[in-house]
Amino acid sequence: MSKKMLISCDEATTICDKNQYGEASFFEKIKLTLHLFLCKHCKTYSQQNNILSKIFGRYLTSCDDQNLKPQEKEELKQKLKEKMHS
């Protein structure tokens, strides 16, 4: 396998973060996929990153630079606890 295809965990997390926002190139996505297949730690990071983006994305788009309401805070805490224990 080509050394150009193998990336470090630091590179994988950077590409993972870029991929979350649609900024990763096609070649970066291929390298990330290969790395995630081989590295269980980065695979876990990627899964957690996806969960947090989904959870926080809803609140960030709905609050428009305002504080969360108490009910929203409690709902967010509960979802985080559920996801951390599953």
PDB file of N, CA and C in Angstrom:
ATOM      1  N   MET A   1       0.850  -1.172   0.000  1.00  0.00           N
ATOM      2  CA  MET A   1       0.000   0.000   0.000  1.00  0.00           C
ATOM      3  C   MET A   1       0.898   1.237   0.000  1.00  0.00           C
ATOM      4  N   SER A   2       0.501   2.225  -0.715  1.00  0.00           N
ATOM      5  CA  SER A   2       1.292   3.446  -0.842  1.00  0.00           C
ATOM      6  C   SER A   2       1.336   4.223   0.472  1.00  0.00           C
ATOM      7  N   LYS A   3       2.520   4.756   0.770  1.00  0.00           N
ATOM      8  CA  LYS A   3       2.648   5.546   1.994  1.00  0.00           C
ATOM      9  C   LYS A   3       1.838   6.832   1.908  1.00  0.00           C
ATOM     10  N   LYS A   4       1.518   7.261   0.688  1.00  0.00           N
ATOM     11  CA  LYS A   4       0.704   8.469   0.528  1.00  0.00           C
ATOM     12  C   LYS A   4      -0.724   8.245   1.015  1.00  0.00           C
ATOM     13  N   MET A   5      -1.142   6.999   1.044  1.00  0.00           N
ATOM     14  CA  MET A   5      -2.501   6.683   1.476  1.00  0.00           C
ATOM     15  C   MET A   5      -2.607   6.549   2.991  1.00  0.00           C
ATOM     16  N   LEU A   6      -1.489   6.245   3.649  1.00  0.00           N
ATOM     17  CA  LEU A   6      -1.507   6.074   5.099  1.00  0.00           C
ATOM     18  C   LEU A   6      -1.301   7.426   5.767  1.00  0.00           C
ATOM     19  N   ILE A   7      -2.168   7.762   6.691  1.00  0.00           N
ATOM     20  CA  ILE A   7      -2.086   9.044   7.386  1.00  0.00           C
ATOM     21  C   ILE A   7      -2.029   8.806   8.892  1.00  0.00           C
ATOM     22  N   SER A   8      -1.536   9.798   9.605  1.00  0.00           N
ATOM     23  CA  SER A   8      -1.460   9.703  11.067  1.00  0.00           C
ATOM     24  C   SER A   8      -2.841   9.981  11.663  1.00  0.00           C
ATOM     25  N   CYS A   9      -2.970   9.693  12.933  1.00  0.00           N
ATOM     26  CA  CYS A   9      -4.233   9.971  13.632  1.00  0.00           C
ATOM     27  C   CYS A   9      -4.511  11.473  13.662  1.00  0.00           C
ATOM     28  N   ASP A  10      -3.469  12.289  13.816  1.00  0.00           N
ATOM     29  CA  ASP A  10      -3.661  13.744  13.804  1.00  0.00           C
ATOM     30  C   ASP A  10      -4.235  14.205  12.470  1.00  0.00           C
ATOM     31  N   GLU A  11      -3.682  13.678  11.374  1.00  0.00           N
ATOM     32  CA  GLU A  11      -4.200  14.029  10.055  1.00  0.00           C
ATOM     33  C   GLU A  11      -5.638  13.544   9.888  1.00  0.00           C
ATOM     34  N   ALA A  12      -5.918  12.352  10.407  1.00  0.00           N
ATOM     35  CA  ALA A  12      -7.262  11.779  10.285  1.00  0.00           C
ATOM     36  C   ALA A  12      -8.297  12.638  11.015  1.00  0.00           C
ATOM     37  N   THR A  13      -7.954  13.109  12.216  1.00  0.00           N
ATOM     38  CA  THR A  13      -8.928  13.939  12.945  1.00  0.00           C
ATOM     39  C   THR A  13      -9.128  15.286  12.251  1.00  0.00           C
ATOM     40  N   THR A  14      -8.067  15.821  11.663  1.00  0.00           N
ATOM     41  CA  THR A  14      -8.191  17.080  10.923  1.00  0.00           C
ATOM     42  C   THR A  14      -9.108  16.898   9.716  1.00  0.00           C
ATOM     43  N   ILE A  15      -8.899  15.822   8.982  1.00  0.00           N
ATOM     44  CA  ILE A  15      -9.745  15.546   7.808  1.00  0.00           C
ATOM     45  C   ILE A  15     -11.182  15.268   8.249  1.00  0.00           C
ATOM     46  N   CYS A  16     -11.336  14.569   9.368  1.00  0.00           N
ATOM     47  CA  CYS A  16     -12.673  14.283   9.907  1.00  0.00           C
ATOM     48  C   CYS A  16     -13.415  15.584  10.195  1.00  0.00           C
ATOM     49  N   ASP A  17     -12.726  16.519  10.831  1.00  0.00           N
ATOM     50  CA  ASP A  17     -13.340  17.815  11.134  1.00  0.00           C
ATOM     51  C   ASP A  17     -13.688  18.573   9.850  1.00  0.00           C
ATOM     52  N   LYS A  18     -12.787  18.549   8.879  1.00  0.00           N
ATOM     53  CA  LYS A  18     -13.053  19.205   7.602  1.00  0.00           C
ATOM     54  C   LYS A  18     -14.250  18.562   6.905  1.00  0.00           C
ATOM     55  N   ASN A  19     -14.328  17.244   6.987  1.00  0.00           N
ATOM     56  CA  ASN A  19     -15.404  16.505   6.342  1.00  0.00           C
ATOM     57  C   ASN A  19     -16.769  16.858   6.940  1.00  0.00           C
ATOM     58  N   GLN A  20     -16.797  17.136   8.248  1.00  0.00           N
ATOM     59  CA  GLN A  20     -18.045  17.512   8.920  1.00  0.00           C
ATOM     60  C   GLN A  20     -18.667  18.757   8.285  1.00  0.00           C
ATOM     61  N   TYR A  21     -17.816  19.640   7.768  1.00  0.00           N
ATOM     62  CA  TYR A  21     -18.287  20.903   7.199  1.00  0.00           C
ATOM     63  C   TYR A  21     -18.209  20.912   5.683  1.00  0.00           C
ATOM     64  N   GLY A  22     -18.010  19.737   5.081  1.00  0.00           N
ATOM     65  CA  GLY A  22     -17.992  19.627   3.628  1.00  0.00           C
ATOM     66  C   GLY A  22     -16.760  20.240   2.981  1.00  0.00           C
ATOM     67  N   GLU A  23     -15.658  20.328   3.714  1.00  0.00           N
ATOM     68  CA  GLU A  23     -14.452  20.964   3.204  1.00  0.00           C
ATOM     69  C   GLU A  23     -13.368  19.971   2.802  1.00  0.00           C
ATOM     70  N   ALA A  24     -13.574  18.691   3.010  1.00  0.00           N
ATOM     71  CA  ALA A  24     -12.571  17.683   2.672  1.00  0.00           C
ATOM     72  C   ALA A  24     -12.657  17.335   1.185  1.00  0.00           C
ATOM     73  N   SER A  25     -11.487  17.175   0.572  1.00  0.00           N
ATOM     74  CA  SER A  25     -11.447  16.796  -0.840  1.00  0.00           C
ATOM     75  C   SER A  25     -11.770  15.309  -0.989  1.00  0.00           C
ATOM     76  N   PHE A  26     -12.025  14.902  -2.217  1.00  0.00           N
ATOM     77  CA  PHE A  26     -12.334  13.501  -2.497  1.00  0.00           C
ATOM     78  C   PHE A  26     -11.179  12.604  -2.060  1.00  0.00           C
ATOM     79  N   PHE A  27      -9.944  13.006  -2.363  1.00  0.00           N
ATOM     80  CA  PHE A  27      -8.770  12.215  -1.990  1.00  0.00           C
ATOM     81  C   PHE A  27      -8.613  12.136  -0.470  1.00  0.00           C
ATOM     82  N   GLU A  28      -8.887  13.236   0.230  1.00  0.00           N
ATOM     83  CA  GLU A  28      -8.819  13.222   1.698  1.00  0.00           C
ATOM     84  C   GLU A  28      -9.856  12.262   2.277  1.00  0.00           C
ATOM     85  N   LYS A  29     -11.037  12.245   1.689  1.00  0.00           N
ATOM     86  CA  LYS A  29     -12.090  11.344   2.163  1.00  0.00           C
ATOM     87  C   LYS A  29     -11.690   9.883   1.994  1.00  0.00           C
ATOM     88  N   ILE A  30     -11.010   9.580   0.896  1.00  0.00           N
ATOM     89  CA  ILE A  30     -10.547   8.213   0.670  1.00  0.00           C
ATOM     90  C   ILE A  30      -9.510   7.829   1.722  1.00  0.00           C
ATOM     91  N   LYS A  31      -8.553   8.721   1.978  1.00  0.00           N
ATOM     92  CA  LYS A  31      -7.525   8.443   2.981  1.00  0.00           C
ATOM     93  C   LYS A  31      -8.157   8.290   4.367  1.00  0.00           C
ATOM     94  N   LEU A  32      -9.147   9.133   4.675  1.00  0.00           N
ATOM     95  CA  LEU A  32      -9.825   9.045   5.968  1.00  0.00           C
ATOM     96  C   LEU A  32     -10.562   7.712   6.103  1.00  0.00           C
ATOM     97  N   THR A  33     -11.268   7.318   5.080  1.00  0.00           N
ATOM     98  CA  THR A  33     -12.003   6.053   5.107  1.00  0.00           C
ATOM     99  C   THR A  33     -11.063   4.884   5.362  1.00  0.00           C
ATOM    100  N   LEU A  34      -9.930   4.874   4.693  1.00  0.00           N
ATOM    101  CA  LEU A  34      -8.946   3.816   4.899  1.00  0.00           C
ATOM    102  C   LEU A  34      -8.423   3.841   6.334  1.00  0.00           C
ATOM    103  N   HIS A  35      -8.121   5.028   6.840  1.00  0.00           N
ATOM    104  CA  HIS A  35      -7.604   5.141   8.203  1.00  0.00           C
ATOM    105  C   HIS A  35      -8.651   4.681   9.227  1.00  0.00           C
ATOM    106  N   LEU A  36      -9.901   5.072   9.024  1.00  0.00           N
ATOM    107  CA  LEU A  36     -10.961   4.683   9.958  1.00  0.00           C
ATOM    108  C   LEU A  36     -11.181   3.170   9.945  1.00  0.00           C
ATOM    109  N   PHE A  37     -10.938   2.551   8.812  1.00  0.00           N
ATOM    110  CA  PHE A  37     -11.050   1.090   8.723  1.00  0.00           C
ATOM    111  C   PHE A  37      -9.981   0.414   9.575  1.00  0.00           C
ATOM    112  N   LEU A  38      -8.816   1.052   9.680  1.00  0.00           N
ATOM    113  CA  LEU A  38      -7.688   0.459  10.392  1.00  0.00           C
ATOM    114  C   LEU A  38      -7.553   0.896  11.848  1.00  0.00           C
ATOM    115  N   CYS A  39      -8.127   2.046  12.205  1.00  0.00           N
ATOM    116  CA  CYS A  39      -7.899   2.619  13.538  1.00  0.00           C
ATOM    117  C   CYS A  39      -9.217   2.770  14.307  1.00  0.00           C
ATOM    118  N   LYS A  40      -9.377   1.976  15.350  1.00  0.00           N
ATOM    119  CA  LYS A  40     -10.628   2.011  16.117  1.00  0.00           C
ATOM    120  C   LYS A  40     -10.772   3.304  16.914  1.00  0.00           C
ATOM    121  N   HIS A  41      -9.663   3.920  17.316  1.00  0.00           N
ATOM    122  CA  HIS A  41      -9.733   5.161  18.096  1.00  0.00           C
ATOM    123  C   HIS A  41     -10.259   6.318  17.244  1.00  0.00           C
ATOM    124  N   CYS A  42      -9.761   6.421  16.036  1.00  0.00           N
ATOM    125  CA  CYS A  42     -10.227   7.489  15.148  1.00  0.00           C
ATOM    126  C   CYS A  42     -11.661   7.227  14.672  1.00  0.00           C
ATOM    127  N   LYS A  43     -12.011   5.967  14.541  1.00  0.00           N
ATOM    128  CA  LYS A  43     -13.389   5.624  14.171  1.00  0.00           C
ATOM    129  C   LYS A  43     -14.347   6.096  15.268  1.00  0.00           C
ATOM    130  N   THR A  44     -13.971   5.864  16.514  1.00  0.00           N
ATOM    131  CA  THR A  44     -14.777   6.321  17.645  1.00  0.00           C
ATOM    132  C   THR A  44     -14.863   7.847  17.657  1.00  0.00           C
ATOM    133  N   TYR A  45     -13.727   8.516  17.431  1.00  0.00           N
ATOM    134  CA  TYR A  45     -13.707   9.984  17.378  1.00  0.00           C
ATOM    135  C   TYR A  45     -14.665  10.483  16.308  1.00  0.00           C
ATOM    136  N   SER A  46     -14.620   9.863  15.147  1.00  0.00           N
ATOM    137  CA  SER A  46     -15.476  10.269  14.039  1.00  0.00           C
ATOM    138  C   SER A  46     -16.959  10.101  14.390  1.00  0.00           C
ATOM    139  N   GLN A  47     -17.297   8.986  15.007  1.00  0.00           N
ATOM    140  CA  GLN A  47     -18.689   8.744  15.402  1.00  0.00           C
ATOM    141  C   GLN A  47     -19.149   9.769  16.439  1.00  0.00           C
ATOM    142  N   GLN A  48     -18.294  10.055  17.426  1.00  0.00           N
ATOM    143  CA  GLN A  48     -18.648  11.037  18.454  1.00  0.00           C
ATOM    144  C   GLN A  48     -18.771  12.430  17.850  1.00  0.00           C
ATOM    145  N   ASN A  49     -17.906  12.738  16.911  1.00  0.00           N
ATOM    146  CA  ASN A  49     -17.939  14.028  16.240  1.00  0.00           C
ATOM    147  C   ASN A  49     -19.262  14.211  15.491  1.00  0.00           C
ATOM    148  N   ASN A  50     -19.708  13.155  14.824  1.00  0.00           N
ATOM    149  CA  ASN A  50     -20.986  13.205  14.106  1.00  0.00           C
ATOM    150  C   ASN A  50     -22.155  13.427  15.067  1.00  0.00           C
ATOM    151  N   ILE A  51     -22.144  12.721  16.177  1.00  0.00           N
ATOM    152  CA  ILE A  51     -23.222  12.852  17.162  1.00  0.00           C
ATOM    153  C   ILE A  51     -23.276  14.282  17.710  1.00  0.00           C
ATOM    154  N   LEU A  52     -22.121  14.804  18.115  1.00  0.00           N
ATOM    155  CA  LEU A  52     -22.086  16.154  18.674  1.00  0.00           C
ATOM    156  C   LEU A  52     -22.506  17.201  17.647  1.00  0.00           C
ATOM    157  N   SER A  53     -22.101  17.028  16.412  1.00  0.00           N
ATOM    158  CA  SER A  53     -22.495  17.977  15.361  1.00  0.00           C
ATOM    159  C   SER A  53     -24.007  17.983  15.170  1.00  0.00           C
ATOM    160  N   LYS A  54     -24.603  16.797  15.204  1.00  0.00           N
ATOM    161  CA  LYS A  54     -26.062  16.711  15.055  1.00  0.00           C
ATOM    162  C   LYS A  54     -26.773  17.352  16.236  1.00  0.00           C
ATOM    163  N   ILE A  55     -26.299  17.069  17.444  1.00  0.00           N
ATOM    164  CA  ILE A  55     -26.947  17.601  18.643  1.00  0.00           C
ATOM    165  C   ILE A  55     -26.791  19.119  18.713  1.00  0.00           C
ATOM    166  N   PHE A  56     -25.557  19.591  18.595  1.00  0.00           N
ATOM    167  CA  PHE A  56     -25.321  21.025  18.736  1.00  0.00           C
ATOM    168  C   PHE A  56     -25.797  21.819  17.530  1.00  0.00           C
ATOM    169  N   GLY A  57     -25.797  21.201  16.368  1.00  0.00           N
ATOM    170  CA  GLY A  57     -26.233  21.892  15.157  1.00  0.00           C
ATOM    171  C   GLY A  57     -27.641  22.429  15.277  1.00  0.00           C
ATOM    172  N   ARG A  58     -28.504  21.660  15.875  1.00  0.00           N
ATOM    173  CA  ARG A  58     -29.898  22.088  16.057  1.00  0.00           C
ATOM    174  C   ARG A  58     -29.987  23.327  16.945  1.00  0.00           C
ATOM    175  N   TYR A  59     -29.205  23.349  18.007  1.00  0.00           N
ATOM    176  CA  TYR A  59     -29.256  24.461  18.944  1.00  0.00           C
ATOM    177  C   TYR A  59     -28.548  25.697  18.397  1.00  0.00           C
ATOM    178  N   LEU A  60     -27.476  25.492  17.679  1.00  0.00           N
ATOM    179  CA  LEU A  60     -26.732  26.630  17.150  1.00  0.00           C
ATOM    180  C   LEU A  60     -27.508  27.361  16.066  1.00  0.00           C
ATOM    181  N   THR A  61     -28.275  26.628  15.268  1.00  0.00           N
ATOM    182  CA  THR A  61     -29.039  27.285  14.219  1.00  0.00           C
ATOM    183  C   THR A  61     -30.324  27.900  14.765  1.00  0.00           C
ATOM    184  N   SER A  62     -30.807  27.414  15.890  1.00  0.00           N
ATOM    185  CA  SER A  62     -32.084  27.913  16.411  1.00  0.00           C
ATOM    186  C   SER A  62     -31.934  29.094  17.361  1.00  0.00           C
ATOM    187  N   CYS A  63     -30.763  29.279  17.955  1.00  0.00           N
ATOM    188  CA  CYS A  63     -30.671  30.310  18.986  1.00  0.00           C
ATOM    189  C   CYS A  63     -30.162  31.655  18.471  1.00  0.00           C
ATOM    190  N   ASP A  64     -29.493  31.707  17.328  1.00  0.00           N
ATOM    191  CA  ASP A  64     -29.030  32.967  16.740  1.00  0.00           C
ATOM    192  C   ASP A  64     -28.337  33.874  17.752  1.00  0.00           C
ATOM    193  N   ASP A  65     -27.259  33.383  18.333  1.00  0.00           N
ATOM    194  CA  ASP A  65     -26.412  34.133  19.275  1.00  0.00           C
ATOM    195  C   ASP A  65     -27.132  34.548  20.556  1.00  0.00           C
ATOM    196  N   GLN A  66     -28.181  33.876  20.919  1.00  0.00           N
ATOM    197  CA  GLN A  66     -28.870  34.148  22.182  1.00  0.00           C
ATOM    198  C   GLN A  66     -28.600  32.983  23.119  1.00  0.00           C
ATOM    199  N   ASN A  67     -28.846  33.194  24.383  1.00  0.00           N
ATOM    200  CA  ASN A  67     -28.668  32.108  25.354  1.00  0.00           C
ATOM    201  C   ASN A  67     -29.754  31.067  25.176  1.00  0.00           C
ATOM    202  N   LEU A  68     -29.389  29.824  25.496  1.00  0.00           N
ATOM    203  CA  LEU A  68     -30.385  28.757  25.451  1.00  0.00           C
ATOM    204  C   LEU A  68     -31.388  28.941  26.584  1.00  0.00           C
ATOM    205  N   LYS A  69     -32.612  28.564  26.309  1.00  0.00           N
ATOM    206  CA  LYS A  69     -33.640  28.587  27.343  1.00  0.00           C
ATOM    207  C   LYS A  69     -33.362  27.437  28.309  1.00  0.00           C
ATOM    208  N   PRO A  70     -33.807  27.569  29.557  1.00  0.00           N
ATOM    209  CA  PRO A  70     -33.565  26.490  30.539  1.00  0.00           C
ATOM    210  C   PRO A  70     -34.041  25.118  30.057  1.00  0.00           C
ATOM    211  N   GLN A  71     -35.181  25.077  29.394  1.00  0.00           N
ATOM    212  CA  GLN A  71     -35.704  23.798  28.893  1.00  0.00           C
ATOM    213  C   GLN A  71     -34.765  23.222  27.828  1.00  0.00           C
ATOM    214  N   GLU A  72     -34.221  24.081  26.959  1.00  0.00           N
ATOM    215  CA  GLU A  72     -33.294  23.623  25.926  1.00  0.00           C
ATOM    216  C   GLU A  72     -31.989  23.112  26.546  1.00  0.00           C
ATOM    217  N   LYS A  73     -31.533  23.775  27.600  1.00  0.00           N
ATOM    218  CA  LYS A  73     -30.314  23.334  28.285  1.00  0.00           C
ATOM    219  C   LYS A  73     -30.495  21.940  28.877  1.00  0.00           C
ATOM    220  N   GLU A  74     -31.628  21.725  29.536  1.00  0.00           N
ATOM    221  CA  GLU A  74     -31.892  20.423  30.143  1.00  0.00           C
ATOM    222  C   GLU A  74     -32.024  19.337  29.079  1.00  0.00           C
ATOM    223  N   GLU A  75     -32.680  19.678  27.978  1.00  0.00           N
ATOM    224  CA  GLU A  75     -32.836  18.722  26.887  1.00  0.00           C
ATOM    225  C   GLU A  75     -31.462  18.361  26.304  1.00  0.00           C
ATOM    226  N   LEU A  76     -30.600  19.336  26.153  1.00  0.00           N
ATOM    227  CA  LEU A  76     -29.254  19.120  25.634  1.00  0.00           C
ATOM    228  C   LEU A  76     -28.432  18.249  26.594  1.00  0.00           C
ATOM    229  N   LYS A  77     -28.515  18.534  27.895  1.00  0.00           N
ATOM    230  CA  LYS A  77     -27.810  17.732  28.892  1.00  0.00           C
ATOM    231  C   LYS A  77     -28.262  16.279  28.843  1.00  0.00           C
ATOM    232  N   GLN A  78     -29.570  16.077  28.734  1.00  0.00           N
ATOM    233  CA  GLN A  78     -30.128  14.727  28.711  1.00  0.00           C
ATOM    234  C   GLN A  78     -29.652  13.965  27.477  1.00  0.00           C
ATOM    235  N   LYS A  79     -29.654  14.617  26.317  1.00  0.00           N
ATOM    236  CA  LYS A  79     -29.217  13.957  25.093  1.00  0.00           C
ATOM    237  C   LYS A  79     -27.742  13.588  25.160  1.00  0.00           C
ATOM    238  N   LEU A  80     -26.941  14.473  25.715  1.00  0.00           N
ATOM    239  CA  LEU A  80     -25.513  14.187  25.861  1.00  0.00           C
ATOM    240  C   LEU A  80     -25.280  12.995  26.792  1.00  0.00           C
ATOM    241  N   LYS A  81     -26.016  12.941  27.909  1.00  0.00           N
ATOM    242  CA  LYS A  81     -25.890  11.816  28.830  1.00  0.00           C
ATOM    243  C   LYS A  81     -26.282  10.507  28.157  1.00  0.00           C
ATOM    244  N   GLU A  82     -27.379  10.532  27.397  1.00  0.00           N
ATOM    245  CA  GLU A  82     -27.842   9.332  26.706  1.00  0.00           C
ATOM    246  C   GLU A  82     -26.804   8.833  25.713  1.00  0.00           C
ATOM    247  N   LYS A  83     -26.242   9.749  24.938  1.00  0.00           N
ATOM    248  CA  LYS A  83     -25.277   9.370  23.920  1.00  0.00           C
ATOM    249  C   LYS A  83     -23.967   8.885  24.520  1.00  0.00           C
ATOM    250  N   MET A  84     -23.585   9.442  25.641  1.00  0.00           N
ATOM    251  CA  MET A  84     -22.341   9.042  26.278  1.00  0.00           C
ATOM    252  C   MET A  84     -22.447   7.645  26.885  1.00  0.00           C
ATOM    253  N   HIS A  85     -23.639   7.257  27.293  1.00  0.00           N
ATOM    254  CA  HIS A  85     -23.836   5.961  27.932  1.00  0.00           C
ATOM    255  C   HIS A  85     -24.251   4.874  26.957  1.00  0.00           C
ATOM    256  N   SER A  86     -24.452   5.237  25.704  1.00  0.00           N
ATOM    257  CA  SER A  86     -24.850   4.207  24.730  1.00  0.00           C
ATOM    258  C   SER A  86     -23.680   3.718  23.910  1.00  0.00           C
TER     259      SER A  86
END
